[in-house]
Amino acid sequence: MKKIVLLTLVMLYISTPFLQANEQEELPPIKLPEYIVDPYSGVMVNAKEAFFVYKCARYGSMQNYFGFAKEENAKRYAKKNNCGALNYEEYKKALKKDNRLIEE
């Protein structure tokens, strides 16, 4: 049952039309997630093992962070959408540099 619910949520997530980000609009500060759901596999992944895309012209329904379980998927998405693919530590540094990281 949990797999069906998770799969349904992932399918809704993937099928949600991508939103065009306004480059002049500042994104809000965020806390780093503990886990992300990979959009390709639907698997929940520890965020410290995930790869994130940052400063994309396009974001999914999760505009604050968009992560992938596999580096090659993050790089493919980043290349397609003209943005960067970062590991957890690089993503954390980028958020700090842009004053967007809420630290606990």
Protein backbone atom coordinates (compact mmCIF):
# COMPACT_ATOMS: atom_id res chain seq x y z
CA MET A 1 0.00 0.00 0.00
CA LYS A 2 2.84 2.40 0.90
CA LYS A 3 4.50 1.72 -2.46
CA ILE A 4 1.27 2.52 -4.31
CA VAL A 5 0.84 5.79 -2.43
CA LEU A 6 4.48 6.74 -2.97
CA LEU A 7 4.32 5.82 -6.64
CA THR A 8 1.11 7.83 -7.06
CA LEU A 9 2.74 10.86 -5.43
CA VAL A 10 5.80 10.53 -7.63
CA MET A 11 3.67 10.26 -10.76
CA LEU A 12 1.73 13.37 -9.76
CA TYR A 13 5.01 15.11 -9.07
CA ILE A 14 6.47 14.17 -12.45
CA SER A 15 3.31 14.99 -14.36
CA THR A 16 2.99 18.45 -12.77
CA PRO A 17 3.87 20.97 -15.46
CA PHE A 18 7.23 22.56 -14.86
CA LEU A 19 7.11 26.14 -13.70
CA GLN A 20 9.21 28.78 -15.35
CA ALA A 21 11.27 30.53 -12.68
CA ASN A 22 11.47 34.29 -12.77
CA GLU A 23 15.19 35.08 -12.65
CA GLN A 24 14.56 38.40 -10.90
CA GLU A 25 12.43 36.78 -8.22
CA GLU A 26 14.44 35.66 -5.21
CA LEU A 27 13.83 32.18 -3.96
CA PRO A 28 13.23 31.90 -0.21
CA PRO A 29 15.79 30.59 2.27
CA ILE A 30 15.55 26.87 2.98
CA LYS A 31 16.67 24.13 5.35
CA LEU A 32 18.50 21.29 3.69
CA PRO A 33 16.35 18.18 3.40
CA GLU A 34 17.20 14.94 5.15
CA TYR A 35 15.78 12.89 2.28
CA ILE A 36 14.71 13.46 -1.31
CA VAL A 37 12.51 11.38 -3.58
CA ASP A 38 14.26 10.61 -6.85
CA PRO A 39 11.93 11.69 -9.68
CA TYR A 40 12.99 8.79 -11.92
CA SER A 41 12.86 5.83 -9.55
CA GLY A 42 10.50 7.12 -6.85
CA VAL A 43 12.99 5.91 -4.24
CA MET A 44 13.62 7.94 -1.10
CA VAL A 45 17.33 8.76 -0.86
CA ASN A 46 19.41 10.22 1.95
CA ALA A 47 20.06 13.81 0.86
CA LYS A 48 23.75 13.52 1.73
CA GLU A 49 24.04 10.88 -0.99
CA ALA A 50 21.91 12.77 -3.53
CA PHE A 51 22.79 15.18 -6.34
CA PHE A 52 20.98 18.50 -6.66
CA VAL A 53 20.37 20.90 -9.51
CA TYR A 54 20.74 24.57 -8.68
CA LYS A 55 19.91 27.87 -10.36
CA CYS A 56 17.80 26.27 -13.06
CA ALA A 57 15.50 28.22 -15.32
CA ARG A 58 13.00 25.42 -14.64
CA TYR A 59 12.04 23.79 -11.39
CA GLY A 60 9.65 21.02 -10.48
CA SER A 61 6.94 21.49 -7.92
CA MET A 62 9.66 21.58 -5.26
CA GLN A 63 11.24 24.90 -6.12
CA ASN A 64 13.57 24.93 -3.12
CA TYR A 65 15.45 21.75 -3.86
CA PHE A 66 15.35 19.29 -6.66
CA GLY A 67 17.51 16.22 -6.19
CA PHE A 68 18.34 12.95 -7.89
CA ALA A 69 19.67 9.63 -6.62
CA LYS A 70 22.14 9.31 -9.51
CA GLU A 71 24.69 11.88 -10.56
CA GLU A 72 24.19 11.17 -14.27
CA ASN A 73 20.47 11.98 -13.99
CA ALA A 74 21.21 15.26 -12.22
CA LYS A 75 23.79 16.18 -14.87
CA ARG A 76 21.42 15.30 -17.70
CA TYR A 77 18.67 17.47 -16.18
CA ALA A 78 21.14 20.29 -15.50
CA LYS A 79 22.46 20.23 -19.06
CA LYS A 80 18.95 20.24 -20.51
CA ASN A 81 17.89 23.16 -18.29
CA ASN A 82 21.11 25.20 -18.29
CA CYS A 83 21.99 24.91 -14.61
CA GLY A 84 24.43 23.19 -12.31
CA ALA A 85 24.48 19.68 -10.81
CA LEU A 86 25.95 19.60 -7.32
CA ASN A 87 26.57 17.00 -4.65
CA TYR A 88 25.23 17.65 -1.14
CA GLU A 89 28.27 19.56 0.15
CA GLU A 90 28.54 21.70 -3.00
CA TYR A 91 24.80 22.42 -2.80
CA LYS A 92 25.13 23.44 0.85
CA LYS A 93 28.04 25.80 0.01
CA ALA A 94 26.08 27.33 -2.89
CA LEU A 95 23.09 28.00 -0.63
CA LYS A 96 25.36 29.60 1.99
CA LYS A 97 27.03 31.77 -0.64
CA ASP A 98 23.63 32.98 -1.86
CA ASN A 99 22.41 33.57 1.73
CA ARG A 100 19.62 31.03 1.26
CA LEU A 101 20.59 28.42 3.84
CA ILE A 102 18.69 28.21 7.10
CA GLU A 103 21.02 26.51 9.55
CA GLU A 104 19.70 24.68 12.56
